Amino acid sequence: ARRRWHVSHRCAWLAHLDVDELFFTESPERFAEHFRALENDGVGHCTYANHEGVPERPGVVDYFSEVTLFRRNHHLVPLSGEAARGMAWWRARTKRGQYLLCYDCGKSVVRLVDGASPSSVHAWTLPRDSGFSRRTALADARMLDVAAVASDAATMPCVLHYVACGSFWLRTKYEILGNFDDAWFGGALPIAPSFHLDARDAVGASDSDGLDAFYARHVAA
């Protein structure tokens, strides 16, 4: 059924994006050029850097149009003293010393071929005999494949992640998630102390002043 759908709709690539994420390119032409280049190079899986939106006021309604400030993924931050001081400033603001409040491993697209399947919300698995290569914008030591790192990583399309951009969105997200466990996958993978758990607790406390203070410290510019 999946094969029939993507063939009938002439769909060649698939990405996993959440409702608070945006795949960003400079223009529709640049979008088409990028994927045409991947296909010409025989790439079947491409990982993009994620950058986190930083709201400059609490009353954000449409974060896609209102938020224009972003924390750049640290894998693409220049190795300079000024950059290190800037990242340290952001980490010092948060209770858990986080620079990015959520994930930092990017999001990926996969070429729609028979046998392709999701390995997580961040990556896909291609059939072993697909013959396609992988490309990534992130020189990430946790899963480093030097040959796959793009030469144009800094100018590639990217994923803009609008993490709780607006006090309404922070409260609404964690009201929907509710009092979830401190582990993923039914307890199989503990969640490290983090913004995610602290936001759950801040919203669950039903203290509007406390939530405003949490938002001002961790989320807002």
C-alpha atoms as a PDB file:
ATOM      1  CA  ALA A   1       0.000   0.000   0.000  1.00  0.00           C
ATOM      2  CA  ARG A   2       2.829   2.405   0.849  1.00  0.00           C
ATOM      3  CA  ARG A   3       4.511   1.636  -2.462  1.00  0.00           C
ATOM      4  CA  ARG A   4       1.314   2.271  -4.418  1.00  0.00           C
ATOM      5  CA  TRP A   5       0.784   5.576  -2.602  1.00  0.00           C
ATOM      6  CA  HIS A   6       4.205   7.070  -3.264  1.00  0.00           C
ATOM      7  CA  VAL A   7       4.206   5.879  -6.875  1.00  0.00           C
ATOM      8  CA  SER A   8       0.750   7.271  -7.612  1.00  0.00           C
ATOM      9  CA  HIS A   9       1.603  10.589  -5.920  1.00  0.00           C
ATOM     10  CA  ARG A  10       5.068  10.790  -7.532  1.00  0.00           C
ATOM     11  CA  CYS A  11       6.619  11.100  -4.063  1.00  0.00           C
ATOM     12  CA  ALA A  12      10.358  10.375  -4.006  1.00  0.00           C
ATOM     13  CA  TRP A  13      11.469  11.353  -0.467  1.00  0.00           C
ATOM     14  CA  LEU A  14      10.020  11.155   3.045  1.00  0.00           C
ATOM     15  CA  ALA A  15      10.853  13.126   6.208  1.00  0.00           C
ATOM     16  CA  HIS A  16       9.643  12.872   9.791  1.00  0.00           C
ATOM     17  CA  LEU A  17       8.762  16.333  11.107  1.00  0.00           C
ATOM     18  CA  ASP A  18       6.727  17.259  14.188  1.00  0.00           C
ATOM     19  CA  VAL A  19       4.085  19.989  14.257  1.00  0.00           C
ATOM     20  CA  ASP A  20       6.626  22.420  15.751  1.00  0.00           C
ATOM     21  CA  GLU A  21       9.252  21.834  13.057  1.00  0.00           C
ATOM     22  CA  LEU A  22       9.879  23.326   9.636  1.00  0.00           C
ATOM     23  CA  PHE A  23      12.110  22.109   6.810  1.00  0.00           C
ATOM     24  CA  PHE A  24      13.838  25.282   5.660  1.00  0.00           C
ATOM     25  CA  THR A  25      15.427  26.136   2.327  1.00  0.00           C
ATOM     26  CA  GLU A  26      16.093  29.533   0.793  1.00  0.00           C
ATOM     27  CA  SER A  27      13.569  29.057  -2.013  1.00  0.00           C
ATOM     28  CA  PRO A  28      11.497  26.452  -3.869  1.00  0.00           C
ATOM     29  CA  GLU A  29      14.204  26.431  -6.527  1.00  0.00           C
ATOM     30  CA  ARG A  30      16.879  25.696  -3.935  1.00  0.00           C
ATOM     31  CA  PHE A  31      14.683  22.904  -2.527  1.00  0.00           C
ATOM     32  CA  ALA A  32      14.418  21.249  -5.943  1.00  0.00           C
ATOM     33  CA  GLU A  33      18.124  21.724  -6.668  1.00  0.00           C
ATOM     34  CA  HIS A  34      19.102  20.118  -3.370  1.00  0.00           C
ATOM     35  CA  PHE A  35      17.101  16.940  -3.886  1.00  0.00           C
ATOM     36  CA  ARG A  36      18.104  16.727  -7.524  1.00  0.00           C
ATOM     37  CA  ALA A  37      21.752  16.852  -6.411  1.00  0.00           C
ATOM     38  CA  LEU A  38      21.172  14.092  -3.837  1.00  0.00           C
ATOM     39  CA  GLU A  39      19.641  11.879  -6.501  1.00  0.00           C
ATOM     40  CA  ASN A  40      22.455  12.588  -8.962  1.00  0.00           C
ATOM     41  CA  ASP A  41      25.008  11.685  -6.257  1.00  0.00           C
ATOM     42  CA  GLY A  42      23.269   8.424  -5.410  1.00  0.00           C
ATOM     43  CA  VAL A  43      22.285   9.509  -1.898  1.00  0.00           C
ATOM     44  CA  GLY A  44      19.376   7.696  -0.282  1.00  0.00           C
ATOM     45  CA  HIS A  45      19.467   9.116   3.257  1.00  0.00           C
ATOM     46  CA  CYS A  46      20.320  12.667   4.316  1.00  0.00           C
ATOM     47  CA  THR A  47      20.483  14.148   7.823  1.00  0.00           C
ATOM     48  CA  TYR A  48      19.970  17.869   8.412  1.00  0.00           C
ATOM     49  CA  ALA A  49      21.009  20.070  11.297  1.00  0.00           C
ATOM     50  CA  ASN A  50      18.275  21.195  13.662  1.00  0.00           C
ATOM     51  CA  HIS A  51      18.308  24.725  15.073  1.00  0.00           C
ATOM     52  CA  GLU A  52      16.103  25.776  18.001  1.00  0.00           C
ATOM     53  CA  GLY A  53      13.812  28.782  17.893  1.00  0.00           C
ATOM     54  CA  VAL A  54      14.150  31.349  20.682  1.00  0.00           C
ATOM     55  CA  PRO A  55      10.997  33.424  21.252  1.00  0.00           C
ATOM     56  CA  GLU A  56      11.593  37.024  22.250  1.00  0.00           C
ATOM     57  CA  ARG A  57       8.253  37.429  24.040  1.00  0.00           C
ATOM     58  CA  PRO A  58       5.807  35.074  25.793  1.00  0.00           C
ATOM     59  CA  GLY A  59       2.707  35.829  23.720  1.00  0.00           C
ATOM     60  CA  VAL A  60       3.714  34.042  20.510  1.00  0.00           C
ATOM     61  CA  VAL A  61       0.730  32.817  18.496  1.00  0.00           C
ATOM     62  CA  ASP A  62       2.179  31.746  15.127  1.00  0.00           C
ATOM     63  CA  TYR A  63       5.752  30.702  15.864  1.00  0.00           C
ATOM     64  CA  PHE A  64       6.513  29.936  12.208  1.00  0.00           C
ATOM     65  CA  SER A  65       6.085  33.611  11.292  1.00  0.00           C
ATOM     66  CA  GLU A  66       6.875  35.363  14.579  1.00  0.00           C
ATOM     67  CA  VAL A  67      10.076  33.652  15.767  1.00  0.00           C
ATOM     68  CA  THR A  68      13.207  34.691  13.872  1.00  0.00           C
ATOM     69  CA  LEU A  69      15.975  34.059  16.440  1.00  0.00           C
ATOM     70  CA  PHE A  70      17.579  30.602  16.629  1.00  0.00           C
ATOM     71  CA  ARG A  71      20.218  28.739  18.593  1.00  0.00           C
ATOM     72  CA  ARG A  72      22.407  27.148  15.969  1.00  0.00           C
ATOM     73  CA  ASN A  73      23.143  23.449  16.289  1.00  0.00           C
ATOM     74  CA  HIS A  74      26.476  23.219  18.092  1.00  0.00           C
ATOM     75  CA  HIS A  75      27.896  20.854  15.474  1.00  0.00           C
ATOM     76  CA  LEU A  76      27.880  23.810  13.071  1.00  0.00           C
ATOM     77  CA  VAL A  77      29.052  26.489  15.511  1.00  0.00           C
ATOM     78  CA  PRO A  78      32.552  27.836  14.732  1.00  0.00           C
ATOM     79  CA  LEU A  79      35.335  26.660  17.046  1.00  0.00           C
ATOM     80  CA  SER A  80      36.145  30.101  18.398  1.00  0.00           C
ATOM     81  CA  GLY A  81      36.408  31.628  21.845  1.00  0.00           C
ATOM     82  CA  GLU A  82      33.501  33.949  21.127  1.00  0.00           C
ATOM     83  CA  ALA A  83      31.280  31.044  20.088  1.00  0.00           C
ATOM     84  CA  ALA A  84      32.269  29.026  23.165  1.00  0.00           C
ATOM     85  CA  ARG A  85      31.378  31.951  25.438  1.00  0.00           C
ATOM     86  CA  GLY A  86      28.040  32.365  23.711  1.00  0.00           C
ATOM     87  CA  MET A  87      27.174  28.686  24.136  1.00  0.00           C
ATOM     88  CA  ALA A  88      28.258  28.792  27.770  1.00  0.00           C
ATOM     89  CA  TRP A  89      25.887  31.739  28.336  1.00  0.00           C
ATOM     90  CA  TRP A  90      22.956  29.719  27.013  1.00  0.00           C
ATOM     91  CA  ARG A  91      23.914  26.650  29.070  1.00  0.00           C
ATOM     92  CA  ALA A  92      24.193  28.711  32.245  1.00  0.00           C
ATOM     93  CA  ARG A  93      20.580  29.850  31.841  1.00  0.00           C
ATOM     94  CA  THR A  94      19.137  26.357  32.119  1.00  0.00           C
ATOM     95  CA  LYS A  95      18.774  24.243  35.225  1.00  0.00           C
ATOM     96  CA  ARG A  96      20.398  21.239  33.535  1.00  0.00           C
ATOM     97  CA  GLY A  97      23.126  23.089  31.647  1.00  0.00           C
ATOM     98  CA  GLN A  98      21.617  22.381  28.231  1.00  0.00           C
ATOM     99  CA  TYR A  99      22.527  24.400  25.177  1.00  0.00           C
ATOM    100  CA  LEU A 100      19.781  22.941  23.005  1.00  0.00           C
ATOM    101  CA  LEU A 101      16.673  22.155  25.033  1.00  0.00           C
ATOM    102  CA  CYS A 102      15.721  19.051  23.069  1.00  0.00           C
ATOM    103  CA  TYR A 103      17.599  16.860  20.599  1.00  0.00           C
ATOM    104  CA  ASP A 104      20.795  17.794  18.724  1.00  0.00           C
ATOM    105  CA  CYS A 105      21.138  14.899  16.262  1.00  0.00           C
ATOM    106  CA  GLY A 106      19.111  16.414  13.424  1.00  0.00           C
ATOM    107  CA  LYS A 107      16.271  15.019  11.341  1.00  0.00           C
ATOM    108  CA  SER A 108      16.571  12.933   8.201  1.00  0.00           C
ATOM    109  CA  VAL A 109      14.942  12.239   4.857  1.00  0.00           C
ATOM    110  CA  VAL A 110      14.941   8.899   3.071  1.00  0.00           C
ATOM    111  CA  ARG A 111      14.454   8.004  -0.548  1.00  0.00           C
ATOM    112  CA  LEU A 112      11.219   6.059  -0.934  1.00  0.00           C
ATOM    113  CA  VAL A 113      12.330   2.638  -2.085  1.00  0.00           C
ATOM    114  CA  ASP A 114      10.946  -0.787  -1.229  1.00  0.00           C
ATOM    115  CA  GLY A 115      12.263  -1.881   2.156  1.00  0.00           C
ATOM    116  CA  ALA A 116      13.003   1.578   3.580  1.00  0.00           C
ATOM    117  CA  SER A 117      11.775   1.880   7.165  1.00  0.00           C
ATOM    118  CA  PRO A 118      12.049   4.228  10.172  1.00  0.00           C
ATOM    119  CA  SER A 119      14.729   3.423  12.741  1.00  0.00           C
ATOM    120  CA  SER A 120      13.676   6.365  14.950  1.00  0.00           C
ATOM    121  CA  VAL A 121      12.070   9.790  14.535  1.00  0.00           C
ATOM    122  CA  HIS A 122      15.526  11.032  13.549  1.00  0.00           C
ATOM    123  CA  ALA A 123      16.713   8.459  11.018  1.00  0.00           C
ATOM    124  CA  TRP A 124      15.724   5.730   8.586  1.00  0.00           C
ATOM    125  CA  THR A 125      16.971   2.327   7.541  1.00  0.00           C
ATOM    126  CA  LEU A 126      17.651   1.567   3.890  1.00  0.00           C
ATOM    127  CA  PRO A 127      17.747  -1.960   2.499  1.00  0.00           C
ATOM    128  CA  ARG A 128      21.286  -3.321   2.508  1.00  0.00           C
ATOM    129  CA  ASP A 129      21.186  -3.868  -1.227  1.00  0.00           C
ATOM    130  CA  SER A 130      19.809  -0.398  -2.039  1.00  0.00           C
ATOM    131  CA  GLY A 131      23.152   0.839  -3.349  1.00  0.00           C
ATOM    132  CA  PHE A 132      22.486   4.314  -1.934  1.00  0.00           C
ATOM    133  CA  SER A 133      24.935   6.297   0.179  1.00  0.00           C
ATOM    134  CA  ARG A 134      24.286   8.508   3.185  1.00  0.00           C
ATOM    135  CA  ARG A 135      24.958  12.200   3.703  1.00  0.00           C
ATOM    136  CA  THR A 136      24.831  14.346   6.832  1.00  0.00           C
ATOM    137  CA  ALA A 137      25.311  17.948   7.860  1.00  0.00           C
ATOM    138  CA  LEU A 138      26.516  16.894  11.322  1.00  0.00           C
ATOM    139  CA  ALA A 139      30.056  15.812  12.179  1.00  0.00           C
ATOM    140  CA  ASP A 140      28.691  14.044  15.253  1.00  0.00           C
ATOM    141  CA  ALA A 141      31.244  11.967  17.185  1.00  0.00           C
ATOM    142  CA  ARG A 142      28.472   9.674  18.480  1.00  0.00           C
ATOM    143  CA  MET A 143      27.821   8.339  14.971  1.00  0.00           C
ATOM    144  CA  LEU A 144      30.643   9.752  12.914  1.00  0.00           C
ATOM    145  CA  ASP A 145      31.039   8.687   9.317  1.00  0.00           C
ATOM    146  CA  VAL A 146      33.606  11.089   7.902  1.00  0.00           C
ATOM    147  CA  ALA A 147      32.845  10.111   4.322  1.00  0.00           C
ATOM    148  CA  ALA A 148      29.171  11.012   4.787  1.00  0.00           C
ATOM    149  CA  VAL A 149      29.706  14.559   6.117  1.00  0.00           C
ATOM    150  CA  ALA A 150      28.615  17.052   3.471  1.00  0.00           C
ATOM    151  CA  SER A 151      31.150  19.536   2.170  1.00  0.00           C
ATOM    152  CA  ASP A 152      28.411  22.193   2.115  1.00  0.00           C
ATOM    153  CA  ALA A 153      26.987  21.367   5.570  1.00  0.00           C
ATOM    154  CA  ALA A 154      26.781  25.009   6.669  1.00  0.00           C
ATOM    155  CA  THR A 155      24.601  25.977   3.717  1.00  0.00           C
ATOM    156  CA  MET A 156      22.452  22.868   3.414  1.00  0.00           C
ATOM    157  CA  PRO A 157      18.720  23.035   4.097  1.00  0.00           C
ATOM    158  CA  CYS A 158      17.962  22.616   7.787  1.00  0.00           C
ATOM    159  CA  VAL A 159      15.207  21.870  10.283  1.00  0.00           C
ATOM    160  CA  LEU A 160      13.926  24.760  12.390  1.00  0.00           C
ATOM    161  CA  HIS A 161      12.585  23.477  15.699  1.00  0.00           C
ATOM    162  CA  TYR A 162      10.218  25.834  17.511  1.00  0.00           C
ATOM    163  CA  VAL A 163      10.524  24.333  20.999  1.00  0.00           C
ATOM    164  CA  ALA A 164       7.674  25.662  23.167  1.00  0.00           C
ATOM    165  CA  CYS A 165       7.896  29.039  21.414  1.00  0.00           C
ATOM    166  CA  GLY A 166       5.254  30.897  23.398  1.00  0.00           C
ATOM    167  CA  SER A 167       3.962  30.324  26.910  1.00  0.00           C
ATOM    168  CA  PHE A 168       0.676  29.035  25.495  1.00  0.00           C
ATOM    169  CA  TRP A 169       2.508  26.406  23.448  1.00  0.00           C
ATOM    170  CA  LEU A 170       4.666  25.336  26.384  1.00  0.00           C
ATOM    171  CA  ARG A 171       1.627  24.834  28.595  1.00  0.00           C
ATOM    172  CA  THR A 172      -0.476  23.190  25.889  1.00  0.00           C
ATOM    173  CA  LYS A 173       2.223  20.735  24.826  1.00  0.00           C
ATOM    174  CA  TYR A 174       2.823  19.433  28.325  1.00  0.00           C
ATOM    175  CA  GLU A 175      -0.857  19.389  29.222  1.00  0.00           C
ATOM    176  CA  ILE A 176      -1.343  17.087  26.229  1.00  0.00           C
ATOM    177  CA  LEU A 177       1.641  14.914  27.168  1.00  0.00           C
ATOM    178  CA  GLY A 178       0.449  14.742  30.774  1.00  0.00           C
ATOM    179  CA  ASN A 179       2.326  13.105  33.638  1.00  0.00           C
ATOM    180  CA  PHE A 180       4.441  10.794  31.490  1.00  0.00           C
ATOM    181  CA  ASP A 181       7.028   8.413  32.935  1.00  0.00           C
ATOM    182  CA  ASP A 182      10.710   9.235  33.412  1.00  0.00           C
ATOM    183  CA  ALA A 183      11.622   6.763  30.665  1.00  0.00           C
ATOM    184  CA  TRP A 184      10.917   6.098  27.010  1.00  0.00           C
ATOM    185  CA  PHE A 185       9.457   2.918  25.519  1.00  0.00           C
ATOM    186  CA  GLY A 186       7.575   1.693  28.571  1.00  0.00           C
ATOM    187  CA  GLY A 187      10.504   2.133  30.939  1.00  0.00           C
ATOM    188  CA  ALA A 188      13.184   0.631  28.701  1.00  0.00           C
ATOM    189  CA  LEU A 189      15.203   3.840  28.254  1.00  0.00           C
ATOM    190  CA  PRO A 190      15.467   6.302  31.171  1.00  0.00           C
ATOM    191  CA  ILE A 191      15.125   9.986  30.286  1.00  0.00           C
ATOM    192  CA  ALA A 192      18.072  11.950  31.624  1.00  0.00           C
ATOM    193  CA  PRO A 193      17.333  14.938  33.876  1.00  0.00           C
ATOM    194  CA  SER A 194      16.445  17.573  31.302  1.00  0.00           C
ATOM    195  CA  PHE A 195      14.241  20.434  30.170  1.00  0.00           C
ATOM    196  CA  HIS A 196      11.683  17.865  28.987  1.00  0.00           C
ATOM    197  CA  LEU A 197      11.128  16.443  32.477  1.00  0.00           C
ATOM    198  CA  ASP A 198      11.343  19.847  34.155  1.00  0.00           C
ATOM    199  CA  ALA A 199       8.728  21.275  31.763  1.00  0.00           C
ATOM    200  CA  ARG A 200       6.405  18.375  32.555  1.00  0.00           C
ATOM    201  CA  ASP A 201       6.741  19.124  36.264  1.00  0.00           C
ATOM    202  CA  ALA A 202       6.405  22.906  35.829  1.00  0.00           C
ATOM    203  CA  VAL A 203       3.164  22.553  33.886  1.00  0.00           C
ATOM    204  CA  GLY A 204       1.881  19.798  36.155  1.00  0.00           C
ATOM    205  CA  ALA A 205       2.307  21.993  39.223  1.00  0.00           C
ATOM    206  CA  SER A 206      -0.552  24.255  37.992  1.00  0.00           C
ATOM    207  CA  ASP A 207       1.292  27.333  39.248  1.00  0.00           C
ATOM    208  CA  SER A 208       0.961  30.113  36.647  1.00  0.00           C
ATOM    209  CA  ASP A 209       3.598  32.347  38.241  1.00  0.00           C
ATOM    210  CA  GLY A 210       6.018  29.439  38.518  1.00  0.00           C
ATOM    211  CA  LEU A 211       5.410  28.478  34.909  1.00  0.00           C
ATOM    212  CA  ASP A 212       6.009  32.060  33.755  1.00  0.00           C
ATOM    213  CA  ALA A 213       9.319  32.063  35.641  1.00  0.00           C
ATOM    214  CA  PHE A 214      10.284  28.701  34.124  1.00  0.00           C
ATOM    215  CA  TYR A 215       9.482  29.985  30.621  1.00  0.00           C
ATOM    216  CA  ALA A 216      11.446  33.194  31.127  1.00  0.00           C
ATOM    217  CA  ARG A 217      14.529  31.341  32.379  1.00  0.00           C
ATOM    218  CA  HIS A 218      14.654  28.411  29.968  1.00  0.00           C
ATOM    219  CA  VAL A 219      12.846  29.393  26.763  1.00  0.00           C
ATOM    220  CA  ALA A 220      12.597  33.125  26.116  1.00  0.00           C
ATOM    221  CA  ALA A 221      15.447  35.311  24.892  1.00  0.00           C
END
